[in-house]
Protein backbone atom coordinates (compact mmCIF):
# COMPACT_ATOMS: atom_id res chain seq x y z
CA MET A 1 3.38 28.92 9.73
CA LEU A 2 0.37 26.22 10.14
CA GLU A 3 0.58 25.21 6.10
CA LEU A 4 4.49 24.29 7.19
CA ILE A 5 3.13 21.91 10.11
CA ARG A 6 0.66 20.56 8.90
CA LYS A 7 3.21 20.05 5.76
CA GLY A 8 5.44 18.55 7.76
CA LEU A 9 3.41 16.31 9.79
CA LEU A 10 2.25 15.48 6.60
CA ALA A 11 6.08 14.14 5.09
CA SER A 12 7.26 12.53 8.67
CA LEU A 13 4.39 10.51 9.65
CA GLY A 14 2.69 9.69 6.23
CA ALA A 15 -0.94 10.80 6.07
CA VAL A 16 -1.93 7.69 5.59
CA VAL A 17 -0.78 5.61 8.23
CA MET A 18 -1.69 7.89 11.72
CA THR A 19 -4.06 7.18 13.21
CA LYS A 20 -5.96 10.09 15.20
CA GLU A 21 -3.99 8.44 18.29
CA ARG A 22 -0.95 10.17 16.74
CA VAL A 23 -2.28 12.82 15.41
CA GLU A 24 -3.67 13.55 18.70
CA LYS A 25 0.06 13.46 19.87
CA ALA A 26 1.18 15.23 17.62
CA THR A 27 -1.21 18.62 17.74
CA LYS A 28 -1.07 18.14 21.71
CA SER A 29 2.54 18.18 21.19
CA LEU A 30 2.61 21.40 19.55
CA VAL A 31 0.23 23.50 21.52
CA GLU A 32 2.28 22.99 24.62
CA GLU A 33 5.12 24.67 22.12
CA GLY A 34 3.08 27.09 22.15
CA LYS A 35 3.10 27.02 18.05
CA LEU A 36 0.08 26.28 18.38
CA SER A 37 -4.02 27.04 18.92
CA ARG A 38 -6.20 24.79 20.87
CA GLU A 39 -9.06 25.37 18.37
CA GLU A 40 -5.45 25.18 15.48
CA ALA A 41 -4.54 21.98 16.73
CA ASP A 42 -7.93 20.64 16.54
CA ASN A 43 -8.47 21.92 13.39
CA LEU A 44 -5.24 20.30 12.17
CA ALA A 45 -6.43 17.25 13.70
CA GLU A 46 -9.08 17.10 12.03
CA GLU A 47 -8.37 17.70 8.49
CA LEU A 48 -5.64 14.87 9.08
CA ILE A 49 -7.78 12.84 9.93
CA ARG A 50 -9.68 13.48 6.72
CA SER A 51 -7.15 13.03 4.63
CA GLY A 52 -5.34 9.81 5.68
CA GLU A 53 -9.03 8.06 5.63
CA ARG A 54 -9.73 9.88 1.83
CA GLN A 55 -6.16 8.58 1.34
CA TRP A 56 -6.30 5.06 2.56
CA GLU A 57 -9.75 5.14 0.62
CA GLU A 58 -7.47 5.71 -2.91
CA ILE A 59 -5.55 3.24 -2.36
CA GLN A 60 -8.25 0.58 -1.02
CA HIS A 61 -9.99 1.45 -4.18
CA SER A 62 -6.93 1.66 -6.69
CA LEU A 63 -5.91 -1.24 -4.77
CA SER A 64 -8.84 -3.31 -5.73
CA GLU A 65 -9.20 -2.42 -9.22
CA ASN A 66 -5.11 -3.21 -9.66
CA ILE A 67 -6.45 -6.99 -9.09
CA LYS A 68 -9.50 -6.31 -11.00
CA LYS A 69 -7.21 -5.97 -14.21
CA ALA A 70 -4.78 -8.45 -12.99
CA VAL A 71 -7.76 -10.82 -12.59
CA GLU A 72 -8.69 -9.91 -16.08
CA ARG A 73 -5.34 -10.60 -17.20
CA VAL A 74 -4.96 -13.85 -15.82
CA ASP A 75 -8.52 -15.04 -17.14
CA VAL A 76 -9.52 -16.86 -13.97
CA ALA A 77 -13.10 -17.85 -13.98
CA ARG A 78 -15.76 -16.11 -12.04
CA ARG A 79 -17.12 -17.88 -8.49
CA SER A 80 -20.41 -17.93 -10.59
CA GLU A 81 -19.20 -18.59 -13.72
CA LEU A 82 -17.92 -22.15 -12.46
CA GLU A 83 -21.38 -22.39 -10.59
CA GLY A 84 -23.02 -22.53 -13.49
CA VAL A 85 -20.60 -24.84 -15.52
CA LYS A 86 -20.21 -27.21 -12.42
CA ASP A 87 -24.71 -27.05 -12.54
CA ARG A 88 -24.62 -27.65 -16.05
CA LEU A 89 -22.09 -31.00 -15.49
CA GLU A 90 -24.82 -32.33 -12.69
CA ASN A 91 -27.37 -32.05 -14.83
CA LEU A 92 -25.08 -34.15 -17.61
CA GLU A 93 -24.29 -36.74 -15.09
CA LYS A 94 -28.15 -37.55 -15.04
CA ARG A 95 -28.99 -37.36 -18.47
CA VAL A 96 -26.00 -39.50 -18.83
CA SER A 97 -26.60 -42.01 -15.68
CA MET A 98 -30.81 -42.49 -17.51
CA LEU A 99 -29.34 -43.03 -20.62
CA GLU A 100 -27.03 -45.94 -19.90
CA GLU A 101 -29.49 -47.07 -16.91
CA ARG A 102 -32.26 -47.78 -20.38
CA LEU A 103 -29.37 -48.89 -22.14
CA SER A 104 -28.76 -51.59 -19.59
CA LYS A 105 -32.41 -52.41 -19.69
CA VAL A 106 -32.59 -53.46 -23.97
């Protein structure tokens, strides 16, 4: 019975978006209806919250990986690469200025 209730809650409420308050409210309701003991409800609430947190972490990881792959496909330069190019450009500009200065004195 507990497994059926757990699966029903996961399916109907969506474990990923379930807040702690929603889980506690749902399990409290099951206790009041006599479908679960307080201990079973507490255990179920903990399990649902852990499951939701795990799923959220998996979604974040998956999203991060997909964004990285998309950026690589678009061939966008990283900030560190742009900073390196900026530094090199500034150095070249200084060198050109110095050369122009020397040529103007000749």
